[in-house]
Amino acid sequence: MTVADRIRTDGFAIVESVVDRATLDETRTRMYAAREAIISEVGQARLTRAGELGVLRLMMRFDAFFFRFLEIPDVLSVIDDTVSPTAILHLQNGFILPSSPESPRVFQNSYHQDFPRALNGYLASINVLFAIDDFTRHNGATWVVPRSQQTTAAPSAEVVAASACPLECSAGSAIVFDSTLWHAAGLNTSGNDRLAINHQFTRSWIKQQIDYVRAIGHDVIEAQAPRTQQLLGWYARVVTSLDEYYQPQERRLYRKGQG
């Protein structure tokens, strides 16, 4: 059974050994540096007011290192087999989940869907969550309700108690799931931070959480490989003038086949 088949059946799949040990070590260092850069730009008060727990948004703007997570062949293959070769990046978020005896109630550790729309089985969005550290039930591994994807009603407390399970895996693994799957971050009581990087990829007609082309800058985007440009939304932009609209096909901001 392929990864795409397991996603359609169970709602998720775990792909082992996607990221090598040296890259994992470098990623940890760069994530902490990105956190400091984000705090410096946004301010801790605004981040606290957002009610998030250890979330790092727009890391690529502060460090080009994080582009490489859009270039991993195993991940690109899964994207092609699920949300198509013209998919775009909805978000890339780092997670530095702190250890705590009792987790504060925030959105991410309540059962939720990252794409809360069931479209008659149409797969519009997938998540690729990289385990930068080992994922265990003690350090806040993601919990899922298997086969709860493509539903609109939240699973009952009884269903969660009976069937929810932690997605335990080794560092370097990628957890891939249908974004309509009901899931939640677990409680980290390990005594150490647990690091991960989440990606959500959608069909190209769905609006991104962040306009990466504008947020990162045209010069930086144009320096990336064509497939990375595609994922960042370079070929799914909205025109802003008649001059941009009336361009030859090869220079249009929105290419054919973006569906």
C-alpha atoms as a PDB file:
ATOM      1  CA  MET A   1       0.000   0.000   0.000  1.00  0.00           C
ATOM      2  CA  THR A   2       1.417   3.390  -0.993  1.00  0.00           C
ATOM      3  CA  VAL A   3       1.613   6.438   1.254  1.00  0.00           C
ATOM      4  CA  ALA A   4      -1.245   7.995  -0.733  1.00  0.00           C
ATOM      5  CA  ASP A   5      -3.343   4.855  -0.223  1.00  0.00           C
ATOM      6  CA  ARG A   6      -2.737   4.883   3.536  1.00  0.00           C
ATOM      7  CA  ILE A   7      -3.723   8.551   3.711  1.00  0.00           C
ATOM      8  CA  ARG A   8      -6.976   7.838   1.884  1.00  0.00           C
ATOM      9  CA  THR A   9      -7.711   4.825   4.102  1.00  0.00           C
ATOM     10  CA  ASP A  10      -6.445   5.748   7.578  1.00  0.00           C
ATOM     11  CA  GLY A  11      -6.005   9.485   7.129  1.00  0.00           C
ATOM     12  CA  PHE A  12      -2.261   9.404   7.820  1.00  0.00           C
ATOM     13  CA  ALA A  13       1.032   7.660   7.111  1.00  0.00           C
ATOM     14  CA  ILE A  14       4.520   7.774   8.622  1.00  0.00           C
ATOM     15  CA  VAL A  15       7.533   7.824   6.302  1.00  0.00           C
ATOM     16  CA  GLU A  16      10.758   6.984   8.123  1.00  0.00           C
ATOM     17  CA  SER A  17      14.274   8.366   7.526  1.00  0.00           C
ATOM     18  CA  VAL A  18      13.334  11.338   5.362  1.00  0.00           C
ATOM     19  CA  VAL A  19      15.781  13.781   6.979  1.00  0.00           C
ATOM     20  CA  ASP A  20      19.380  12.794   7.800  1.00  0.00           C
ATOM     21  CA  ARG A  21      21.007  13.228  11.203  1.00  0.00           C
ATOM     22  CA  ALA A  22      23.305  16.111  10.220  1.00  0.00           C
ATOM     23  CA  THR A  23      20.377  18.103   8.812  1.00  0.00           C
ATOM     24  CA  LEU A  24      18.350  17.436  11.969  1.00  0.00           C
ATOM     25  CA  ASP A  25      21.162  18.794  14.157  1.00  0.00           C
ATOM     26  CA  GLU A  26      21.487  21.908  12.018  1.00  0.00           C
ATOM     27  CA  THR A  27      17.712  22.368  11.956  1.00  0.00           C
ATOM     28  CA  ARG A  28      17.505  22.471  15.747  1.00  0.00           C
ATOM     29  CA  THR A  29      20.128  25.223  15.947  1.00  0.00           C
ATOM     30  CA  ARG A  30      18.501  27.262  13.193  1.00  0.00           C
ATOM     31  CA  MET A  31      15.001  26.922  14.664  1.00  0.00           C
ATOM     32  CA  TYR A  32      16.103  28.464  17.962  1.00  0.00           C
ATOM     33  CA  ALA A  33      17.798  31.279  16.035  1.00  0.00           C
ATOM     34  CA  ALA A  34      14.630  31.806  13.985  1.00  0.00           C
ATOM     35  CA  ARG A  35      12.609  32.015  17.192  1.00  0.00           C
ATOM     36  CA  GLU A  36      14.819  34.829  18.450  1.00  0.00           C
ATOM     37  CA  ALA A  37      14.522  36.682  15.137  1.00  0.00           C
ATOM     38  CA  ILE A  38      10.730  36.381  15.200  1.00  0.00           C
ATOM     39  CA  ILE A  39      10.536  37.601  18.792  1.00  0.00           C
ATOM     40  CA  SER A  40      12.782  40.542  17.899  1.00  0.00           C
ATOM     41  CA  GLU A  41      10.569  41.542  14.965  1.00  0.00           C
ATOM     42  CA  VAL A  42       7.086  40.880  16.367  1.00  0.00           C
ATOM     43  CA  GLY A  43       7.602  41.280  20.108  1.00  0.00           C
ATOM     44  CA  GLN A  44       6.872  38.726  22.804  1.00  0.00           C
ATOM     45  CA  ALA A  45       3.699  40.529  23.926  1.00  0.00           C
ATOM     46  CA  ARG A  46       2.027  40.160  20.506  1.00  0.00           C
ATOM     47  CA  LEU A  47       3.111  36.533  20.224  1.00  0.00           C
ATOM     48  CA  THR A  48       1.715  35.773  23.665  1.00  0.00           C
ATOM     49  CA  ARG A  49      -1.545  37.540  22.818  1.00  0.00           C
ATOM     50  CA  ALA A  50      -1.962  35.255  19.768  1.00  0.00           C
ATOM     51  CA  GLY A  51      -2.456  32.325  22.138  1.00  0.00           C
ATOM     52  CA  GLU A  52      -0.002  30.009  20.384  1.00  0.00           C
ATOM     53  CA  LEU A  53       2.418  27.589  21.972  1.00  0.00           C
ATOM     54  CA  GLY A  54       5.920  27.588  20.496  1.00  0.00           C
ATOM     55  CA  VAL A  55       4.843  28.334  16.903  1.00  0.00           C
ATOM     56  CA  LEU A  56       7.416  29.784  14.473  1.00  0.00           C
ATOM     57  CA  ARG A  57       5.866  31.328  11.362  1.00  0.00           C
ATOM     58  CA  LEU A  58       7.635  32.441   8.179  1.00  0.00           C
ATOM     59  CA  MET A  59      11.005  30.937   9.121  1.00  0.00           C
ATOM     60  CA  MET A  60      12.143  31.057   5.477  1.00  0.00           C
ATOM     61  CA  ARG A  61      12.222  34.861   5.566  1.00  0.00           C
ATOM     62  CA  PHE A  62      14.730  34.798   8.412  1.00  0.00           C
ATOM     63  CA  ASP A  63      16.796  31.842   7.199  1.00  0.00           C
ATOM     64  CA  ALA A  64      16.942  30.381   3.676  1.00  0.00           C
ATOM     65  CA  PHE A  65      17.949  27.042   5.209  1.00  0.00           C
ATOM     66  CA  PHE A  66      14.259  26.183   5.629  1.00  0.00           C
ATOM     67  CA  PHE A  67      13.666  26.165   1.868  1.00  0.00           C
ATOM     68  CA  ARG A  68      15.339  22.770   1.772  1.00  0.00           C
ATOM     69  CA  PHE A  69      12.280  21.139   3.354  1.00  0.00           C
ATOM     70  CA  LEU A  70      10.452  21.958   0.108  1.00  0.00           C
ATOM     71  CA  GLU A  71      13.058  20.059  -1.935  1.00  0.00           C
ATOM     72  CA  ILE A  72      12.966  16.572  -0.371  1.00  0.00           C
ATOM     73  CA  PRO A  73      12.183  14.011  -3.107  1.00  0.00           C
ATOM     74  CA  ASP A  74      10.098  11.729  -0.859  1.00  0.00           C
ATOM     75  CA  VAL A  75       7.897  14.661   0.082  1.00  0.00           C
ATOM     76  CA  LEU A  76       7.519  15.920  -3.489  1.00  0.00           C
ATOM     77  CA  SER A  77       6.431  12.426  -4.535  1.00  0.00           C
ATOM     78  CA  VAL A  78       3.696  12.377  -1.885  1.00  0.00           C
ATOM     79  CA  ILE A  79       2.506  15.834  -2.930  1.00  0.00           C
ATOM     80  CA  ASP A  80       2.307  14.710  -6.565  1.00  0.00           C
ATOM     81  CA  ASP A  81       0.311  11.613  -5.617  1.00  0.00           C
ATOM     82  CA  THR A  82      -2.186  13.467  -3.424  1.00  0.00           C
ATOM     83  CA  VAL A  83      -2.750  17.175  -4.100  1.00  0.00           C
ATOM     84  CA  SER A  84      -1.078  17.189  -7.551  1.00  0.00           C
ATOM     85  CA  PRO A  85       2.186  18.586  -8.998  1.00  0.00           C
ATOM     86  CA  THR A  86       0.639  22.070  -9.075  1.00  0.00           C
ATOM     87  CA  ALA A  87       0.001  22.179  -5.314  1.00  0.00           C
ATOM     88  CA  ILE A  88       1.193  25.181  -3.315  1.00  0.00           C
ATOM     89  CA  LEU A  89       2.425  25.695   0.219  1.00  0.00           C
ATOM     90  CA  HIS A  90      -0.335  26.896   2.513  1.00  0.00           C
ATOM     91  CA  LEU A  91       1.998  27.225   5.490  1.00  0.00           C
ATOM     92  CA  GLN A  92       5.324  26.219   6.958  1.00  0.00           C
ATOM     93  CA  ASN A  93       5.356  26.454  10.747  1.00  0.00           C
ATOM     94  CA  GLY A  94       8.087  25.438  13.136  1.00  0.00           C
ATOM     95  CA  PHE A  95       7.143  24.088  16.551  1.00  0.00           C
ATOM     96  CA  ILE A  96       9.274  24.296  19.670  1.00  0.00           C
ATOM     97  CA  LEU A  97       6.939  22.600  22.136  1.00  0.00           C
ATOM     98  CA  PRO A  98       8.110  23.271  25.699  1.00  0.00           C
ATOM     99  CA  SER A  99       7.989  20.703  28.453  1.00  0.00           C
ATOM    100  CA  SER A 100       5.347  21.379  31.083  1.00  0.00           C
ATOM    101  CA  PRO A 101       3.563  19.364  33.788  1.00  0.00           C
ATOM    102  CA  GLU A 102       0.271  20.735  32.492  1.00  0.00           C
ATOM    103  CA  SER A 103      -0.235  22.002  28.969  1.00  0.00           C
ATOM    104  CA  PRO A 104      -2.062  25.339  28.599  1.00  0.00           C
ATOM    105  CA  ARG A 105      -5.286  25.083  26.600  1.00  0.00           C
ATOM    106  CA  VAL A 106      -4.542  26.429  23.147  1.00  0.00           C
ATOM    107  CA  PHE A 107      -5.926  25.614  19.709  1.00  0.00           C
ATOM    108  CA  GLN A 108      -3.154  23.229  18.742  1.00  0.00           C
ATOM    109  CA  ASN A 109      -3.628  20.814  21.654  1.00  0.00           C
ATOM    110  CA  SER A 110      -7.392  20.592  21.192  1.00  0.00           C
ATOM    111  CA  TYR A 111      -8.693  18.175  18.568  1.00  0.00           C
ATOM    112  CA  HIS A 112      -9.093  20.087  15.322  1.00  0.00           C
ATOM    113  CA  GLN A 113      -8.776  19.922  11.542  1.00  0.00           C
ATOM    114  CA  ASP A 114      -6.221  22.028   9.668  1.00  0.00           C
ATOM    115  CA  PHE A 115      -8.589  22.134   6.673  1.00  0.00           C
ATOM    116  CA  PRO A 116     -12.088  22.176   8.200  1.00  0.00           C
ATOM    117  CA  ARG A 117     -13.975  21.441   5.001  1.00  0.00           C
ATOM    118  CA  ALA A 118     -15.106  18.000   3.835  1.00  0.00           C
ATOM    119  CA  LEU A 119     -15.564  18.081   0.052  1.00  0.00           C
ATOM    120  CA  ASN A 120     -17.209  14.725  -0.696  1.00  0.00           C
ATOM    121  CA  GLY A 121     -13.900  12.914  -0.350  1.00  0.00           C
ATOM    122  CA  TYR A 122     -11.955  15.344  -2.534  1.00  0.00           C
ATOM    123  CA  LEU A 123      -8.441  15.647  -1.137  1.00  0.00           C
ATOM    124  CA  ALA A 124      -7.717  19.375  -1.173  1.00  0.00           C
ATOM    125  CA  SER A 125      -4.998  19.612   1.453  1.00  0.00           C
ATOM    126  CA  ILE A 126      -2.339  17.475   3.114  1.00  0.00           C
ATOM    127  CA  ASN A 127       0.079  18.055   5.982  1.00  0.00           C
ATOM    128  CA  VAL A 128       3.703  16.974   6.086  1.00  0.00           C
ATOM    129  CA  LEU A 129       4.997  17.158   9.656  1.00  0.00           C
ATOM    130  CA  PHE A 130       8.733  16.591  10.075  1.00  0.00           C
ATOM    131  CA  ALA A 131       9.824  15.111  13.402  1.00  0.00           C
ATOM    132  CA  ILE A 132      13.011  17.004  14.212  1.00  0.00           C
ATOM    133  CA  ASP A 133      13.157  15.140  17.536  1.00  0.00           C
ATOM    134  CA  ASP A 134      11.814  11.694  18.298  1.00  0.00           C
ATOM    135  CA  PHE A 135       8.043  11.794  18.728  1.00  0.00           C
ATOM    136  CA  THR A 136       6.907   9.938  21.857  1.00  0.00           C
ATOM    137  CA  ARG A 137       3.800   9.995  24.013  1.00  0.00           C
ATOM    138  CA  HIS A 138       5.940  11.669  26.698  1.00  0.00           C
ATOM    139  CA  ASN A 139       7.239  14.620  24.666  1.00  0.00           C
ATOM    140  CA  GLY A 140       4.076  15.780  22.948  1.00  0.00           C
ATOM    141  CA  ALA A 141       3.741  13.546  19.901  1.00  0.00           C
ATOM    142  CA  THR A 142       0.765  14.438  17.717  1.00  0.00           C
ATOM    143  CA  TRP A 143      -2.393  12.458  18.538  1.00  0.00           C
ATOM    144  CA  VAL A 144      -4.836  11.475  15.800  1.00  0.00           C
ATOM    145  CA  VAL A 145      -8.210   9.810  15.507  1.00  0.00           C
ATOM    146  CA  PRO A 146      -7.600   7.275  12.723  1.00  0.00           C
ATOM    147  CA  ARG A 147     -10.069   7.322   9.812  1.00  0.00           C
ATOM    148  CA  SER A 148     -11.702  10.527  11.064  1.00  0.00           C
ATOM    149  CA  GLN A 149     -10.755  12.427   7.889  1.00  0.00           C
ATOM    150  CA  GLN A 150     -13.316  13.830   5.465  1.00  0.00           C
ATOM    151  CA  THR A 151     -15.895  14.353   8.233  1.00  0.00           C
ATOM    152  CA  THR A 152     -17.444  17.578   9.457  1.00  0.00           C
ATOM    153  CA  ALA A 153     -18.433  16.651  13.019  1.00  0.00           C
ATOM    154  CA  ALA A 154     -15.779  16.528  15.707  1.00  0.00           C
ATOM    155  CA  PRO A 155     -15.285  13.056  17.197  1.00  0.00           C
ATOM    156  CA  SER A 156     -17.018  12.565  20.520  1.00  0.00           C
ATOM    157  CA  ALA A 157     -15.100  12.248  23.759  1.00  0.00           C
ATOM    158  CA  GLU A 158     -15.969   8.546  23.745  1.00  0.00           C
ATOM    159  CA  VAL A 159     -14.519   8.065  20.250  1.00  0.00           C
ATOM    160  CA  VAL A 160     -11.366   9.960  21.180  1.00  0.00           C
ATOM    161  CA  ALA A 161     -10.914   7.901  24.335  1.00  0.00           C
ATOM    162  CA  ALA A 162     -11.424   4.640  22.445  1.00  0.00           C
ATOM    163  CA  SER A 163      -9.433   5.213  19.277  1.00  0.00           C
ATOM    164  CA  ALA A 164      -7.085   8.225  19.455  1.00  0.00           C
ATOM    165  CA  CYS A 165      -3.402   7.317  19.364  1.00  0.00           C
ATOM    166  CA  PRO A 166      -0.038   9.141  19.441  1.00  0.00           C
ATOM    167  CA  LEU A 167       2.027   9.080  16.248  1.00  0.00           C
ATOM    168  CA  GLU A 168       5.290   7.912  17.755  1.00  0.00           C
ATOM    169  CA  CYS A 169       8.234   7.899  15.347  1.00  0.00           C
ATOM    170  CA  SER A 170      11.954   8.547  15.183  1.00  0.00           C
ATOM    171  CA  ALA A 171      13.555  11.902  14.444  1.00  0.00           C
ATOM    172  CA  GLY A 172      13.857  12.431  10.713  1.00  0.00           C
ATOM    173  CA  SER A 173      10.473  10.901   9.957  1.00  0.00           C
ATOM    174  CA  ALA A 174       7.694  12.662   8.084  1.00  0.00           C
ATOM    175  CA  ILE A 175       4.113  12.308   9.273  1.00  0.00           C
ATOM    176  CA  VAL A 176       1.806  12.846   6.315  1.00  0.00           C
ATOM    177  CA  PHE A 177      -1.925  13.272   6.824  1.00  0.00           C
ATOM    178  CA  ASP A 178      -5.127  14.443   5.209  1.00  0.00           C
ATOM    179  CA  SER A 179      -5.630  17.954   6.604  1.00  0.00           C
ATOM    180  CA  THR A 180      -9.229  17.076   7.470  1.00  0.00           C
ATOM    181  CA  LEU A 181      -7.999  14.415   9.934  1.00  0.00           C
ATOM    182  CA  TRP A 182      -8.890  15.229  13.543  1.00  0.00           C
ATOM    183  CA  HIS A 183      -5.672  15.614  15.528  1.00  0.00           C
ATOM    184  CA  ALA A 184      -4.073  17.436  18.466  1.00  0.00           C
ATOM    185  CA  ALA A 185      -0.647  18.127  19.908  1.00  0.00           C
ATOM    186  CA  GLY A 186       0.136  15.986  22.915  1.00  0.00           C
ATOM    187  CA  LEU A 187       1.434  17.011  26.336  1.00  0.00           C
ATOM    188  CA  ASN A 188       5.195  17.324  26.632  1.00  0.00           C
ATOM    189  CA  THR A 189       6.352  16.165  30.069  1.00  0.00           C
ATOM    190  CA  SER A 190       9.800  14.976  28.964  1.00  0.00           C
ATOM    191  CA  GLY A 191      11.806  17.792  30.514  1.00  0.00           C
ATOM    192  CA  ASN A 192      13.030  18.947  27.077  1.00  0.00           C
ATOM    193  CA  ASP A 193      11.624  20.878  24.139  1.00  0.00           C
ATOM    194  CA  ARG A 194      10.174  18.814  21.281  1.00  0.00           C
ATOM    195  CA  LEU A 195      10.876  20.261  17.828  1.00  0.00           C
ATOM    196  CA  ALA A 196       8.977  19.753  14.570  1.00  0.00           C
ATOM    197  CA  ILE A 197       8.233  21.564  11.321  1.00  0.00           C
ATOM    198  CA  ASN A 198       4.743  21.373   9.880  1.00  0.00           C
ATOM    199  CA  HIS A 199       3.852  21.977   6.240  1.00  0.00           C
ATOM    200  CA  GLN A 200       0.405  22.169   4.721  1.00  0.00           C
ATOM    201  CA  PHE A 201       0.100  21.805   0.949  1.00  0.00           C
ATOM    202  CA  THR A 202      -3.131  22.608  -0.889  1.00  0.00           C
ATOM    203  CA  ARG A 203      -4.572  22.722  -4.381  1.00  0.00           C
ATOM    204  CA  SER A 204      -3.336  25.888  -6.056  1.00  0.00           C
ATOM    205  CA  TRP A 205      -6.702  27.668  -6.024  1.00  0.00           C
ATOM    206  CA  ILE A 206      -6.776  27.809  -2.222  1.00  0.00           C
ATOM    207  CA  LYS A 207      -5.480  31.014  -0.668  1.00  0.00           C
ATOM    208  CA  GLN A 208      -2.251  30.701   1.322  1.00  0.00           C
ATOM    209  CA  GLN A 209      -2.111  31.545   5.018  1.00  0.00           C
ATOM    210  CA  ILE A 210       0.805  33.846   4.169  1.00  0.00           C
ATOM    211  CA  ASP A 211       1.547  35.290   0.734  1.00  0.00           C
ATOM    212  CA  TYR A 212       5.041  33.833   0.577  1.00  0.00           C
ATOM    213  CA  VAL A 213       5.996  35.596  -2.648  1.00  0.00           C
ATOM    214  CA  ARG A 214       5.353  39.025  -1.134  1.00  0.00           C
ATOM    215  CA  ALA A 215       6.554  38.089   2.360  1.00  0.00           C
ATOM    216  CA  ILE A 216       9.877  36.632   1.230  1.00  0.00           C
ATOM    217  CA  GLY A 217      10.485  38.847  -1.798  1.00  0.00           C
ATOM    218  CA  HIS A 218      10.592  38.347  -5.556  1.00  0.00           C
ATOM    219  CA  ASP A 219      14.397  38.262  -5.750  1.00  0.00           C
ATOM    220  CA  VAL A 220      14.621  35.442  -3.219  1.00  0.00           C
ATOM    221  CA  ILE A 221      11.815  33.445  -4.834  1.00  0.00           C
ATOM    222  CA  GLU A 222      13.347  33.808  -8.319  1.00  0.00           C
ATOM    223  CA  ALA A 223      16.607  32.351  -6.973  1.00  0.00           C
ATOM    224  CA  GLN A 224      14.866  29.085  -6.026  1.00  0.00           C
ATOM    225  CA  ALA A 225      14.445  25.987  -8.163  1.00  0.00           C
ATOM    226  CA  PRO A 226      11.303  26.015 -10.375  1.00  0.00           C
ATOM    227  CA  ARG A 227       9.554  23.358  -8.270  1.00  0.00           C
ATOM    228  CA  THR A 228      10.177  25.362  -5.096  1.00  0.00           C
ATOM    229  CA  GLN A 229       8.814  28.450  -6.851  1.00  0.00           C
ATOM    230  CA  GLN A 230       5.703  26.457  -7.696  1.00  0.00           C
ATOM    231  CA  LEU A 231       5.202  25.398  -4.086  1.00  0.00           C
ATOM    232  CA  LEU A 232       5.697  28.953  -2.828  1.00  0.00           C
ATOM    233  CA  GLY A 233       2.907  30.188  -5.099  1.00  0.00           C
ATOM    234  CA  TRP A 234       5.030  31.888  -7.770  1.00  0.00           C
ATOM    235  CA  TYR A 235       2.811  30.514 -10.552  1.00  0.00           C
ATOM    236  CA  ALA A 236      -0.475  31.091  -8.736  1.00  0.00           C
ATOM    237  CA  ARG A 237      -0.333  34.824  -8.156  1.00  0.00           C
ATOM    238  CA  VAL A 238      -3.155  37.323  -8.663  1.00  0.00           C
ATOM    239  CA  VAL A 239      -2.590  40.119 -11.160  1.00  0.00           C
ATOM    240  CA  THR A 240      -2.631  43.677  -9.869  1.00  0.00           C
ATOM    241  CA  SER A 241      -2.929  45.652 -13.121  1.00  0.00           C
ATOM    242  CA  LEU A 242      -4.023  45.416 -16.739  1.00  0.00           C
ATOM    243  CA  ASP A 243      -0.377  45.371 -17.748  1.00  0.00           C
ATOM    244  CA  GLU A 244       0.144  42.199 -15.714  1.00  0.00           C
ATOM    245  CA  TYR A 245      -3.060  40.711 -17.105  1.00  0.00           C
ATOM    246  CA  TYR A 246      -2.279  41.267 -20.776  1.00  0.00           C
ATOM    247  CA  GLN A 247       0.989  39.384 -20.883  1.00  0.00           C
ATOM    248  CA  PRO A 248       2.095  36.510 -23.143  1.00  0.00           C
ATOM    249  CA  GLN A 249       1.270  33.124 -21.676  1.00  0.00           C
ATOM    250  CA  GLU A 250       4.861  32.404 -20.616  1.00  0.00           C
ATOM    251  CA  ARG A 251       4.969  35.634 -18.568  1.00  0.00           C
ATOM    252  CA  ARG A 252       1.599  35.406 -16.866  1.00  0.00           C
ATOM    253  CA  LEU A 253       1.502  35.288 -13.098  1.00  0.00           C
ATOM    254  CA  TYR A 254      -1.027  32.453 -13.066  1.00  0.00           C
ATOM    255  CA  ARG A 255      -0.107  29.497 -15.238  1.00  0.00           C
ATOM    256  CA  LYS A 256      -2.385  27.001 -16.985  1.00  0.00           C
ATOM    257  CA  GLY A 257      -2.993  23.765 -15.135  1.00  0.00           C
ATOM    258  CA  GLN A 258      -3.137  25.379 -11.684  1.00  0.00           C
ATOM    259  CA  GLY A 259      -6.089  23.379 -10.413  1.00  0.00           C
END
